[in-house]
Amino acid sequence: MAALGTFAADAENRFQIQLEAPADAEVVCRMKDLRIAPARLRPGMNTLTLTTQRLRDNTILYGEIFIQTQVTRRIYIYGKAVKGAPVANASAAAENAGLPQGSLPADPIVLHQPDEAVEALQRGQRVSLRGLYDHELKIVYEHQGTARPLEVDCYCFLLRDNGKASSDEDLVFFGNMESPDHAVRVPTTGLETVAQICLDRVGSLVQKIVLCYAIYGDDSRLHFSMVSGPRIRFFDGTKELYQFALSSLSDEKAVVAAEFYRYKGEWKLKPVGAGYRAGLAKLCESYGIQTE
C-alpha cells in the first residue's frame, strides 16, 4: 500500500513513487480523484507522479492502480484530505534536502520479471537451504487481482521445539517489524508484501519459522476466494530461487504459506499452503499467542 498520509484539502497535491520495472509496463488508474503520469513505464527505474484532485476536508482517498507487465500487480493508494494540512508538491520539494515533501518514504518498488525457468515448488516438498544461511532471503507475496478491495499482510511466527512462540515478540508483522534476534523482518516501508529472513541470525532456541498471510480486517465477507493467482516468490538478493502457488483457497481468511525449519542441524524449506477459515486470531492461538 502507498500511504499518502494527510494532505491539504481544496488543493491539488503531488506525490512521487520510485518504481523499477523489468520490462515495458502500462500504468492503469481507475481512481476518479487521482491522476498518474506517465502512463507507460520503461525498463529500469521510473518515477510515477500522483496528483490528487481538489478534495473536500476529511475526504478519504482510497483505491488502486495497476502495473501491467506479463502479470498485473496492484498497488493500493490511501490518504486523507485535511484542512490546514500542508500541500504536497513533490516536484518543487525535490530541490530540498532530506526527505522531499510529497515523496513517499518508501524503498523503490521492484517489479520482478517472472522467470519460467524458476522451480515451482509443490505442497509438502522439502528443500535444503544449505549454502544460503548467511544470505538474506526475501519472500515476496503477490496476486494478479482481487474481486473486492482488500489488503493481504504478512505474519512470521518464530517457534520453539514445542511448536509455540515464547512471547508476543516472536510474531513479526507490521506492528512488530523485526524479531528480537534481528533474523526476521517484515518491512513496511516498501510497497510489496515482503518478509526478509537471515537464517544465520536465528536464535538457537527457535526451531521453525512459519510464514503466513492474512486478509486485513474483520470483514467476514473478505476471503481468499476473492484473490486471483496468489503466490509467493523466494529470492536470494535479486536472484529468484523458487515460486509457490497458493492454490485451492476458498473462504479462508488466513493461510500458512511455508515453513523454514531445522532438521538434523540443517535448515530446510517446506511449502504448505494450508488455509484457516477462522482467520488470524485462530492462527495466533494455535502458535501460543493470544489476541484481543
Protein backbone atom coordinates (compact mmCIF):
# COMPACT_ATOMS: atom_id res chain seq x y z
CA MET A 1 0.00 0.00 0.00
CA ALA A 2 1.16 3.54 -0.78
CA ALA A 3 0.22 5.59 2.27
CA LEU A 4 -0.03 9.26 1.32
CA GLY A 5 -0.86 10.34 4.86
CA THR A 6 -2.74 13.60 5.34
CA PHE A 7 -2.55 16.29 2.68
CA ALA A 8 -4.16 19.67 2.01
CA ALA A 9 -7.88 19.84 1.34
CA ASP A 10 -9.20 22.02 -1.50
CA ALA A 11 -5.86 21.88 -3.34
CA GLU A 12 -4.02 19.71 -5.78
CA ASN A 13 -1.31 17.58 -4.12
CA ARG A 14 1.56 15.81 -5.86
CA PHE A 15 3.36 12.69 -4.67
CA GLN A 16 6.05 10.58 -6.28
CA ILE A 17 6.80 6.86 -6.25
CA GLN A 18 10.07 5.34 -7.44
CA LEU A 19 9.38 2.13 -9.31
CA GLU A 20 11.78 -0.26 -11.02
CA ALA A 21 10.24 -2.16 -13.92
CA PRO A 22 11.82 -5.26 -15.50
CA ALA A 23 10.19 -4.57 -18.88
CA ASP A 24 7.82 -2.18 -20.61
CA ALA A 25 4.69 -1.78 -18.47
CA GLU A 26 1.38 0.03 -18.58
CA VAL A 27 0.02 2.00 -15.63
CA VAL A 28 -3.75 1.90 -15.23
CA CYS A 29 -5.57 4.14 -12.74
CA ARG A 30 -9.34 3.95 -12.26
CA MET A 31 -9.48 6.38 -9.33
CA LYS A 32 -11.51 9.43 -10.32
CA ASP A 33 -9.76 11.72 -7.81
CA LEU A 34 -6.20 10.80 -8.79
CA ARG A 35 -4.12 11.34 -11.94
CA ILE A 36 -0.93 9.38 -12.61
CA ALA A 37 1.86 10.10 -15.07
CA PRO A 38 3.45 8.63 -17.05
CA ALA A 39 1.01 6.01 -18.32
CA ARG A 40 3.81 3.74 -19.56
CA LEU A 41 7.00 2.59 -17.84
CA ARG A 42 10.31 1.70 -19.40
CA PRO A 43 12.72 -0.98 -18.16
CA GLY A 44 14.71 0.32 -15.21
CA MET A 45 13.89 2.98 -12.61
CA ASN A 46 10.83 5.13 -13.19
CA THR A 47 9.22 8.00 -11.28
CA LEU A 48 5.43 7.99 -11.03
CA THR A 49 3.79 11.29 -10.19
CA LEU A 50 0.43 11.05 -8.38
CA THR A 51 -1.72 14.20 -8.46
CA THR A 52 -4.88 14.45 -6.37
CA GLN A 53 -7.95 16.46 -7.28
CA ARG A 54 -9.14 19.27 -5.00
CA LEU A 55 -10.80 17.19 -2.31
CA ARG A 56 -13.01 18.44 0.50
CA ASP A 57 -11.92 18.44 4.13
CA ASN A 58 -11.96 14.94 5.72
CA THR A 59 -12.30 13.18 2.35
CA ILE A 60 -10.57 9.80 2.29
CA LEU A 61 -8.73 8.90 -0.90
CA TYR A 62 -8.67 5.13 -1.35
CA GLY A 63 -8.27 2.97 -4.42
CA GLU A 64 -5.81 1.05 -6.52
CA ILE A 65 -3.55 1.40 -9.51
CA PHE A 66 -2.45 -1.45 -11.75
CA ILE A 67 1.01 -2.11 -13.16
CA GLN A 68 0.65 -4.42 -16.14
CA THR A 69 3.59 -6.42 -17.46
CA GLN A 70 3.37 -10.17 -18.03
CA VAL A 71 1.34 -10.20 -14.85
CA THR A 72 -0.82 -7.48 -13.30
CA ARG A 73 0.28 -6.04 -9.98
CA ARG A 74 -1.92 -3.90 -7.82
CA ILE A 75 -0.83 -1.02 -5.56
CA TYR A 76 -3.34 0.35 -3.06
CA ILE A 77 -3.39 4.11 -2.51
CA TYR A 78 -4.60 5.61 0.76
CA GLY A 79 -4.65 9.13 2.12
CA LYS A 80 -6.87 11.81 3.62
CA ALA A 81 -7.53 15.43 2.69
CA VAL A 82 -7.44 17.63 5.80
CA LYS A 83 -8.00 21.34 6.12
CA GLY A 84 -4.82 23.06 7.28
CA ALA A 85 -2.50 20.22 6.23
CA PRO A 86 0.44 21.25 4.01
CA VAL A 87 0.14 20.97 0.25
CA ALA A 88 2.26 18.11 -1.03
CA ASN A 89 4.32 19.20 -4.04
CA ALA A 90 6.84 16.55 -4.97
CA SER A 91 8.36 18.38 -7.94
CA ALA A 92 9.04 21.59 -6.02
CA ALA A 93 10.27 19.77 -2.92
CA ALA A 94 12.83 17.75 -4.87
CA GLU A 95 15.17 20.72 -4.56
CA ASN A 96 15.12 20.49 -0.76
CA ALA A 97 17.45 18.39 1.36
CA GLY A 98 16.24 15.40 3.35
CA LEU A 99 13.00 13.55 2.61
CA PRO A 100 11.15 15.52 -0.08
CA GLN A 101 7.71 16.77 0.81
CA GLY A 102 5.25 14.80 -1.26
CA SER A 103 7.70 11.97 -1.84
CA LEU A 104 6.57 8.70 -0.31
CA PRO A 105 9.04 7.45 2.35
CA ALA A 106 9.42 4.05 0.72
CA ASP A 107 12.07 1.93 -0.93
CA PRO A 108 11.73 1.73 -4.71
CA ILE A 109 9.13 -0.77 -5.88
CA VAL A 110 10.90 -3.54 -7.76
CA LEU A 111 8.71 -5.47 -10.18
CA HIS A 112 10.46 -8.78 -10.69
CA GLN A 113 10.20 -10.32 -14.11
CA PRO A 114 8.61 -13.80 -13.98
CA ASP A 115 11.15 -16.45 -14.88
CA GLU A 116 9.73 -19.59 -16.43
CA ALA A 117 12.94 -21.43 -15.54
CA VAL A 118 12.40 -20.89 -11.80
CA GLU A 119 11.41 -24.07 -10.00
CA ALA A 120 7.75 -24.21 -8.98
CA LEU A 121 7.56 -25.86 -5.57
CA GLN A 122 4.87 -28.38 -4.70
CA ARG A 123 2.96 -28.56 -1.43
CA GLY A 124 4.85 -30.65 1.14
CA GLN A 125 8.12 -30.63 -0.81
CA ARG A 126 11.32 -30.39 1.26
CA VAL A 127 14.10 -28.12 0.04
CA SER A 128 17.57 -27.83 1.55
CA LEU A 129 18.76 -24.26 2.13
CA ARG A 130 22.39 -25.21 2.69
CA GLY A 131 24.68 -22.51 1.36
CA LEU A 132 22.11 -19.78 1.97
CA TYR A 133 22.28 -19.48 5.75
CA ASP A 134 24.30 -16.25 5.70
CA HIS A 135 22.27 -14.75 2.85
CA GLU A 136 19.24 -12.53 3.27
CA LEU A 137 16.32 -14.40 1.77
CA LYS A 138 13.42 -12.32 0.54
CA ILE A 139 9.93 -13.76 0.18
CA VAL A 140 7.54 -11.70 -1.92
CA TYR A 141 3.78 -12.22 -1.90
CA GLU A 142 1.83 -11.22 -4.99
CA HIS A 143 -1.50 -11.82 -6.71
CA GLN A 144 -3.00 -10.95 -10.07
CA GLY A 145 -6.12 -9.21 -8.80
CA THR A 146 -8.97 -9.18 -6.30
CA ALA A 147 -12.74 -9.18 -6.70
CA ARG A 148 -13.06 -6.50 -3.99
CA PRO A 149 -10.61 -4.07 -2.39
CA LEU A 150 -8.67 -5.89 0.31
CA GLU A 151 -5.19 -5.98 1.79
CA VAL A 152 -3.06 -9.06 2.45
CA ASP A 153 -0.44 -8.78 5.22
CA CYS A 154 2.50 -10.98 6.12
CA TYR A 155 2.98 -12.63 9.53
CA CYS A 156 6.03 -14.66 10.63
CA PHE A 157 5.90 -16.88 13.72
CA LEU A 158 9.18 -17.94 15.39
CA LEU A 159 8.50 -21.21 17.21
CA ARG A 160 10.35 -23.29 19.80
CA ASP A 161 10.60 -27.09 19.78
CA ASN A 162 7.09 -27.34 21.31
CA GLY A 163 5.61 -25.62 18.27
CA LYS A 164 4.78 -22.46 20.23
CA ALA A 165 6.07 -18.91 20.32
CA SER A 166 7.80 -17.97 23.56
CA SER A 167 6.34 -14.44 23.62
CA ASP A 168 4.44 -11.91 21.56
CA GLU A 169 7.78 -10.67 20.21
CA ASP A 170 8.07 -13.92 18.27
CA LEU A 171 5.30 -12.74 15.96
CA VAL A 172 6.82 -10.46 13.31
CA PHE A 173 4.37 -8.35 11.31
CA PHE A 174 3.60 -4.70 10.51
CA GLY A 175 3.15 -3.96 14.23
CA ASN A 176 6.43 -5.64 15.27
CA MET A 177 8.64 -5.42 12.23
CA GLU A 178 11.74 -7.27 13.47
CA SER A 179 12.39 -10.35 15.61
CA PRO A 180 14.47 -9.98 18.80
CA ASP A 181 17.41 -11.76 17.15
CA HIS A 182 17.20 -9.48 14.05
CA ALA A 183 16.83 -12.57 11.85
CA VAL A 184 13.31 -11.93 10.53
CA ARG A 185 11.92 -8.65 9.24
CA VAL A 186 8.60 -7.61 7.73
CA PRO A 187 9.34 -4.11 6.47
CA THR A 188 6.51 -1.67 5.92
CA THR A 189 8.48 0.99 4.05
CA GLY A 190 8.18 -0.73 0.69
CA LEU A 191 5.07 -1.28 -1.37
CA GLU A 192 5.50 -5.02 -1.77
CA THR A 193 4.37 -7.54 0.83
CA VAL A 194 7.79 -8.84 1.83
CA ALA A 195 9.44 -10.94 4.51
CA GLN A 196 13.23 -10.97 4.93
CA ILE A 197 14.99 -13.84 6.69
CA CYS A 198 18.67 -14.42 7.54
CA LEU A 199 18.91 -17.96 8.92
CA ASP A 200 22.38 -17.46 10.43
CA ARG A 201 20.94 -14.93 12.87
CA VAL A 202 18.05 -17.07 14.13
CA GLY A 203 18.32 -17.72 17.88
CA SER A 204 19.34 -21.25 18.86
CA LEU A 205 16.01 -21.91 20.61
CA VAL A 206 13.96 -21.19 17.51
CA GLN A 207 13.30 -24.40 15.60
CA LYS A 208 10.82 -23.21 12.99
CA ILE A 209 9.75 -20.02 11.23
CA VAL A 210 6.20 -20.14 9.88
CA LEU A 211 5.37 -17.74 7.06
CA CYS A 212 1.69 -16.76 6.94
CA TYR A 213 -0.57 -14.31 5.16
CA ALA A 214 -3.92 -12.95 6.27
CA ILE A 215 -6.55 -10.64 4.86
CA TYR A 216 -6.56 -7.49 6.93
CA GLY A 217 -9.66 -6.56 8.94
CA ASP A 218 -12.68 -8.27 10.45
CA ASP A 219 -14.99 -8.17 7.44
CA SER A 220 -16.24 -11.76 7.14
CA ARG A 221 -17.14 -11.14 3.50
CA LEU A 222 -13.47 -10.85 2.53
CA HIS A 223 -11.57 -14.10 1.98
CA PHE A 224 -9.07 -15.70 -0.36
CA SER A 225 -11.69 -16.85 -2.88
CA MET A 226 -11.67 -13.19 -3.96
CA VAL A 227 -7.93 -13.26 -4.64
CA SER A 228 -6.77 -14.30 -8.10
CA GLY A 229 -3.49 -16.15 -8.51
CA PRO A 230 -1.86 -15.68 -5.08
CA ARG A 231 1.70 -16.94 -4.89
CA ILE A 232 4.97 -16.41 -3.07
CA ARG A 233 8.38 -15.97 -4.67
CA PHE A 234 11.68 -16.71 -2.94
CA PHE A 235 14.72 -14.57 -3.72
CA ASP A 236 18.39 -14.63 -2.81
CA GLY A 237 19.21 -10.99 -3.43
CA THR A 238 17.87 -10.32 -6.94
CA LYS A 239 18.07 -13.98 -7.98
CA GLU A 240 14.76 -15.79 -7.87
CA LEU A 241 15.10 -19.29 -6.40
CA TYR A 242 11.58 -20.72 -6.19
CA GLN A 243 7.90 -19.97 -6.64
CA PHE A 244 4.95 -21.48 -4.82
CA ALA A 245 1.33 -21.01 -5.87
CA LEU A 246 -1.17 -20.65 -3.01
CA SER A 247 -3.85 -22.58 -4.85
CA SER A 248 -7.13 -24.20 -3.79
CA LEU A 249 -8.01 -21.45 -1.30
CA SER A 250 -11.69 -20.55 -0.93
CA ASP A 251 -13.34 -18.94 2.11
CA GLU A 252 -10.17 -18.87 4.22
CA LYS A 253 -9.06 -15.56 5.69
CA ALA A 254 -5.50 -16.69 6.50
CA VAL A 255 -3.02 -19.14 5.03
CA VAL A 256 0.13 -20.86 6.27
CA ALA A 257 2.25 -20.43 3.16
CA ALA A 258 5.58 -22.04 4.07
CA GLU A 259 7.83 -23.18 6.90
CA PHE A 260 11.57 -22.79 7.46
CA TYR A 261 12.67 -25.47 9.92
CA ARG A 262 15.74 -27.12 11.40
CA TYR A 263 16.33 -30.78 10.69
CA LYS A 264 19.48 -32.60 11.87
CA GLY A 265 21.43 -29.36 12.01
CA GLU A 266 20.23 -28.18 8.61
CA TRP A 267 17.71 -25.52 7.61
CA LYS A 268 15.02 -26.63 5.19
CA LEU A 269 12.05 -25.06 3.45
CA LYS A 270 8.63 -26.68 3.16
CA PRO A 271 5.77 -25.14 1.13
CA VAL A 272 2.48 -25.64 2.99
CA GLY A 273 -0.43 -23.66 1.51
CA ALA A 274 -2.93 -24.54 4.28
CA GLY A 275 -5.82 -22.12 4.76
CA TYR A 276 -7.53 -21.07 8.01
CA ARG A 277 -11.21 -20.15 7.78
CA ALA A 278 -11.18 -18.77 11.33
CA GLY A 279 -8.57 -16.22 10.34
CA LEU A 280 -5.56 -14.70 12.01
CA ALA A 281 -6.79 -14.87 15.63
CA LYS A 282 -7.17 -18.65 15.47
CA LEU A 283 -3.82 -18.97 13.77
CA CYS A 284 -2.14 -16.94 16.52
CA GLU A 285 -3.83 -19.06 19.17
CA SER A 286 -2.53 -22.26 17.59
CA TYR A 287 1.01 -20.90 17.98
CA GLY A 288 0.55 -19.79 21.58
CA ILE A 289 -0.11 -16.10 21.02
CA GLN A 290 -3.27 -14.58 22.48
CA THR A 291 -5.01 -11.76 20.64
CA GLU A 292 -7.57 -9.32 21.95
